[in-house]
C-alpha cells in the first residue's frame, strides 16, 4: 500500500497512451471530466531541475500531450500535430506534489483545434497553457 502522500486521487487511472518522451516520467495517470482531459503524476526527482523544482520542459510536454488528447478525443478518427504552444509559468512545483494538467478544447474545426490548460500542483495553479493543433484524419483500423 502506498503512503498517503503518494496516493493517487480518486478517479485517476494509469495513462493509456505510452510515448518514448513520457516513458521516463511514468507512472502517469489520467481522468476525463466531460470534455476536459486531465493528465497527472506525483512529482519525483526525474521531473525536477538542478534546483529540485519541477522542470518547465516537463510541464510543457505534459500540457501539449493533454491538450492534444483533449481535442482528438472529441473528433473521431483523428490525430493532432502541434502548431503552436504557449505556456505561462506562474509558480513552482515541488517534489512530492500531485501535478494535474487539466486540458479543455476551446474550439474544434475541420483542420484546426484549439485548447487551454490549467496546470496545478497540489491544487495551486502553477502554470497555464494554450495550444493550436492541426487535425489529421486517421484511417479506421481493420483487423
C-alpha atoms as a PDB file:
ATOM      1  CA  UNK A   1       0.000   0.000   0.000  1.00  0.00           C
ATOM      2  CA  UNK A   2       1.277   3.487  -0.901  1.00  0.00           C
ATOM      3  CA  UNK A   3       1.902   6.041   1.831  1.00  0.00           C
ATOM      4  CA  UNK A   4      -0.868   8.654   1.950  1.00  0.00           C
ATOM      5  CA  UNK A   5       1.458  11.273   0.423  1.00  0.00           C
ATOM      6  CA  UNK A   6       1.932   9.019  -2.646  1.00  0.00           C
ATOM      7  CA  UNK A   7      -1.743   8.140  -3.019  1.00  0.00           C
ATOM      8  CA  UNK A   8      -3.387   8.708  -6.385  1.00  0.00           C
ATOM      9  CA  UNK A   9      -6.542  10.826  -6.023  1.00  0.00           C
ATOM     10  CA  UNK A  10      -9.876   9.116  -6.754  1.00  0.00           C
ATOM     11  CA  UNK A  11     -10.966   8.944 -10.387  1.00  0.00           C
ATOM     12  CA  UNK A  12      -7.478   8.580 -11.873  1.00  0.00           C
ATOM     13  CA  UNK A  13      -6.336   5.543 -13.853  1.00  0.00           C
ATOM     14  CA  UNK A  14      -2.966   4.640 -15.386  1.00  0.00           C
ATOM     15  CA  UNK A  15      -2.490   6.634 -18.596  1.00  0.00           C
ATOM     16  CA  UNK A  16      -3.444   4.549 -21.619  1.00  0.00           C
ATOM     17  CA  UNK A  17      -1.089   6.190 -24.103  1.00  0.00           C
ATOM     18  CA  UNK A  18       2.614   5.421 -23.975  1.00  0.00           C
ATOM     19  CA  UNK A  19       5.283   7.573 -25.622  1.00  0.00           C
ATOM     20  CA  UNK A  20       9.090   7.489 -25.699  1.00  0.00           C
ATOM     21  CA  UNK A  21       9.039  11.104 -24.453  1.00  0.00           C
ATOM     22  CA  UNK A  22       6.922  10.425 -21.371  1.00  0.00           C
ATOM     23  CA  UNK A  23       8.043   6.847 -20.568  1.00  0.00           C
ATOM     24  CA  UNK A  24      10.812   8.045 -18.200  1.00  0.00           C
ATOM     25  CA  UNK A  25       8.198  10.000 -16.234  1.00  0.00           C
ATOM     26  CA  UNK A  26       5.917   7.038 -15.521  1.00  0.00           C
ATOM     27  CA  UNK A  27       3.678   6.400 -13.780  1.00  0.00           C
ATOM     28  CA  UNK A  28       1.330   8.872 -15.474  1.00  0.00           C
ATOM     29  CA  UNK A  29      -2.383   8.974 -14.721  1.00  0.00           C
ATOM     30  CA  UNK A  30      -5.458  10.340 -16.479  1.00  0.00           C
ATOM     31  CA  UNK A  31      -9.114  11.039 -15.949  1.00  0.00           C
ATOM     32  CA  UNK A  32     -11.847  12.544 -18.078  1.00  0.00           C
ATOM     33  CA  UNK A  33     -14.365  15.062 -16.836  1.00  0.00           C
ATOM     34  CA  UNK A  34     -16.789  15.867 -19.657  1.00  0.00           C
ATOM     35  CA  UNK A  35     -14.723  17.396 -22.453  1.00  0.00           C
ATOM     36  CA  UNK A  36     -11.796  18.013 -20.086  1.00  0.00           C
ATOM     37  CA  UNK A  37      -8.860  15.617 -20.185  1.00  0.00           C
ATOM     38  CA  UNK A  38      -6.621  15.524 -17.119  1.00  0.00           C
ATOM     39  CA  UNK A  39      -3.097  14.144 -17.133  1.00  0.00           C
ATOM     40  CA  UNK A  40      -1.316  13.804 -13.780  1.00  0.00           C
ATOM     41  CA  UNK A  41       1.662  12.471 -11.862  1.00  0.00           C
ATOM     42  CA  UNK A  42       3.330  12.635  -8.472  1.00  0.00           C
ATOM     43  CA  UNK A  43       6.357  14.948  -8.873  1.00  0.00           C
ATOM     44  CA  UNK A  44       9.537  12.887  -8.460  1.00  0.00           C
ATOM     45  CA  UNK A  45      13.228  13.708  -8.854  1.00  0.00           C
ATOM     46  CA  UNK A  46      13.094  12.607 -12.535  1.00  0.00           C
ATOM     47  CA  UNK A  47      10.707  15.545 -13.152  1.00  0.00           C
ATOM     48  CA  UNK A  48      12.884  18.170 -11.467  1.00  0.00           C
ATOM     49  CA  UNK A  49      15.659  20.538 -12.490  1.00  0.00           C
ATOM     50  CA  UNK A  50      19.008  21.028 -10.701  1.00  0.00           C
ATOM     51  CA  UNK A  51      17.267  23.233  -8.093  1.00  0.00           C
ATOM     52  CA  UNK A  52      14.894  20.396  -7.185  1.00  0.00           C
ATOM     53  CA  UNK A  53      11.872  22.150  -8.722  1.00  0.00           C
ATOM     54  CA  UNK A  54       9.516  20.777 -11.368  1.00  0.00           C
ATOM     55  CA  UNK A  55      11.165  21.370 -14.758  1.00  0.00           C
ATOM     56  CA  UNK A  56       9.370  23.647 -17.217  1.00  0.00           C
ATOM     57  CA  UNK A  57      10.036  21.149 -20.001  1.00  0.00           C
ATOM     58  CA  UNK A  58       8.012  18.509 -18.144  1.00  0.00           C
ATOM     59  CA  UNK A  59       5.150  20.978 -17.726  1.00  0.00           C
ATOM     60  CA  UNK A  60       5.330  21.902 -21.420  1.00  0.00           C
ATOM     61  CA  UNK A  61       5.394  18.307 -22.664  1.00  0.00           C
ATOM     62  CA  UNK A  62       2.533  17.195 -20.418  1.00  0.00           C
ATOM     63  CA  UNK A  63       0.428  20.253 -21.308  1.00  0.00           C
ATOM     64  CA  UNK A  64       0.990  19.598 -25.028  1.00  0.00           C
ATOM     65  CA  UNK A  65       0.053  15.939 -24.567  1.00  0.00           C
ATOM     66  CA  UNK A  66      -3.078  16.663 -22.518  1.00  0.00           C
ATOM     67  CA  UNK A  67      -4.366  19.454 -24.789  1.00  0.00           C
ATOM     68  CA  UNK A  68      -3.827  17.362 -27.925  1.00  0.00           C
ATOM     69  CA  UNK A  69      -5.662  14.407 -26.399  1.00  0.00           C
ATOM     70  CA  UNK A  70      -8.483  16.653 -25.167  1.00  0.00           C
ATOM     71  CA  UNK A  71      -9.023  17.704 -28.790  1.00  0.00           C
ATOM     72  CA  UNK A  72      -8.680  14.354 -30.553  1.00  0.00           C
ATOM     73  CA  UNK A  73     -10.958  12.612 -28.079  1.00  0.00           C
ATOM     74  CA  UNK A  74     -13.728  14.932 -29.291  1.00  0.00           C
ATOM     75  CA  UNK A  75     -13.110  14.265 -33.014  1.00  0.00           C
ATOM     76  CA  UNK A  76     -13.484  10.671 -34.240  1.00  0.00           C
ATOM     77  CA  UNK A  77     -10.584   9.016 -36.061  1.00  0.00           C
ATOM     78  CA  UNK A  78      -8.204  11.902 -35.709  1.00  0.00           C
ATOM     79  CA  UNK A  79      -4.718  12.708 -34.604  1.00  0.00           C
ATOM     80  CA  UNK A  80      -3.221  16.106 -33.795  1.00  0.00           C
ATOM     81  CA  UNK A  81       0.038  17.837 -34.618  1.00  0.00           C
ATOM     82  CA  UNK A  82       1.069  20.834 -32.532  1.00  0.00           C
ATOM     83  CA  UNK A  83       1.099  24.104 -34.477  1.00  0.00           C
ATOM     84  CA  UNK A  84       1.551  26.487 -31.559  1.00  0.00           C
ATOM     85  CA  UNK A  85       2.152  26.062 -27.829  1.00  0.00           C
ATOM     86  CA  UNK A  86       2.234  28.835 -25.237  1.00  0.00           C
ATOM     87  CA  UNK A  87       2.998  28.378 -21.531  1.00  0.00           C
ATOM     88  CA  UNK A  88       2.889  30.942 -18.747  1.00  0.00           C
ATOM     89  CA  UNK A  89       4.795  29.802 -15.645  1.00  0.00           C
ATOM     90  CA  UNK A  90       3.192  31.310 -12.544  1.00  0.00           C
ATOM     91  CA  UNK A  91       4.669  29.395  -9.593  1.00  0.00           C
ATOM     92  CA  UNK A  92       6.799  26.305  -8.917  1.00  0.00           C
ATOM     93  CA  UNK A  93       6.014  22.641  -8.442  1.00  0.00           C
ATOM     94  CA  UNK A  94       7.900  20.736  -5.755  1.00  0.00           C
ATOM     95  CA  UNK A  95       8.986  17.183  -5.127  1.00  0.00           C
ATOM     96  CA  UNK A  96       6.116  15.028  -3.828  1.00  0.00           C
ATOM     97  CA  UNK A  97       3.279  17.272  -5.003  1.00  0.00           C
ATOM     98  CA  UNK A  98       0.418  15.950  -7.132  1.00  0.00           C
ATOM     99  CA  UNK A  99       0.669  17.580 -10.567  1.00  0.00           C
ATOM    100  CA  UNK A 100      -2.501  17.858 -12.649  1.00  0.00           C
ATOM    101  CA  UNK A 101      -2.785  19.230 -16.179  1.00  0.00           C
ATOM    102  CA  UNK A 102      -6.458  19.918 -16.921  1.00  0.00           C
ATOM    103  CA  UNK A 103      -6.942  20.498 -20.645  1.00  0.00           C
ATOM    104  CA  UNK A 104     -10.134  21.659 -22.355  1.00  0.00           C
ATOM    105  CA  UNK A 105     -10.765  22.080 -26.079  1.00  0.00           C
ATOM    106  CA  UNK A 106     -11.930  25.629 -26.772  1.00  0.00           C
ATOM    107  CA  UNK A 107     -12.684  25.312 -30.498  1.00  0.00           C
ATOM    108  CA  UNK A 108     -12.758  22.298 -32.788  1.00  0.00           C
ATOM    109  CA  UNK A 109     -12.672  22.808 -36.539  1.00  0.00           C
ATOM    110  CA  UNK A 110     -12.178  20.502 -39.515  1.00  0.00           C
ATOM    111  CA  UNK A 111      -8.447  21.196 -39.780  1.00  0.00           C
ATOM    112  CA  UNK A 112      -7.550  23.154 -36.642  1.00  0.00           C
ATOM    113  CA  UNK A 113      -8.339  22.707 -32.960  1.00  0.00           C
ATOM    114  CA  UNK A 114      -7.613  24.971 -30.009  1.00  0.00           C
ATOM    115  CA  UNK A 115      -7.240  24.108 -26.321  1.00  0.00           C
ATOM    116  CA  UNK A 116      -6.386  25.661 -22.979  1.00  0.00           C
ATOM    117  CA  UNK A 117      -4.874  24.002 -19.921  1.00  0.00           C
ATOM    118  CA  UNK A 118      -4.621  24.790 -16.253  1.00  0.00           C
ATOM    119  CA  UNK A 119      -1.620  23.228 -14.509  1.00  0.00           C
ATOM    120  CA  UNK A 120      -1.795  22.739 -10.746  1.00  0.00           C
ATOM    121  CA  UNK A 121       0.496  21.312  -8.075  1.00  0.00           C
ATOM    122  CA  UNK A 122      -1.465  20.215  -5.003  1.00  0.00           C
ATOM    123  CA  UNK A 123      -4.411  22.304  -6.309  1.00  0.00           C
ATOM    124  CA  UNK A 124      -2.354  25.503  -6.616  1.00  0.00           C
ATOM    125  CA  UNK A 125      -2.161  26.913 -10.130  1.00  0.00           C
ATOM    126  CA  UNK A 126       1.478  26.930 -11.229  1.00  0.00           C
ATOM    127  CA  UNK A 127       1.080  27.447 -14.991  1.00  0.00           C
ATOM    128  CA  UNK A 128      -1.432  27.938 -17.775  1.00  0.00           C
ATOM    129  CA  UNK A 129      -1.135  26.912 -21.391  1.00  0.00           C
ATOM    130  CA  UNK A 130      -2.791  27.342 -24.766  1.00  0.00           C
ATOM    131  CA  UNK A 131      -2.221  25.439 -27.986  1.00  0.00           C
ATOM    132  CA  UNK A 132      -3.314  25.150 -31.594  1.00  0.00           C
ATOM    133  CA  UNK A 133      -3.318  21.760 -33.311  1.00  0.00           C
ATOM    134  CA  UNK A 134      -3.585  20.613 -36.909  1.00  0.00           C
ATOM    135  CA  UNK A 135      -6.201  17.855 -37.044  1.00  0.00           C
ATOM    136  CA  UNK A 136      -5.203  14.877 -39.162  1.00  0.00           C
ATOM    137  CA  UNK A 137      -7.739  12.200 -40.077  1.00  0.00           C
ATOM    138  CA  UNK A 138      -6.503   8.684 -39.455  1.00  0.00           C
ATOM    139  CA  UNK A 139      -7.812   5.642 -41.285  1.00  0.00           C
ATOM    140  CA  UNK A 140     -10.061   3.274 -39.378  1.00  0.00           C
ATOM    141  CA  UNK A 141      -8.236   0.145 -38.224  1.00  0.00           C
ATOM    142  CA  UNK A 142      -9.158  -3.075 -39.980  1.00  0.00           C
ATOM    143  CA  UNK A 143      -8.276  -6.370 -38.346  1.00  0.00           C
END
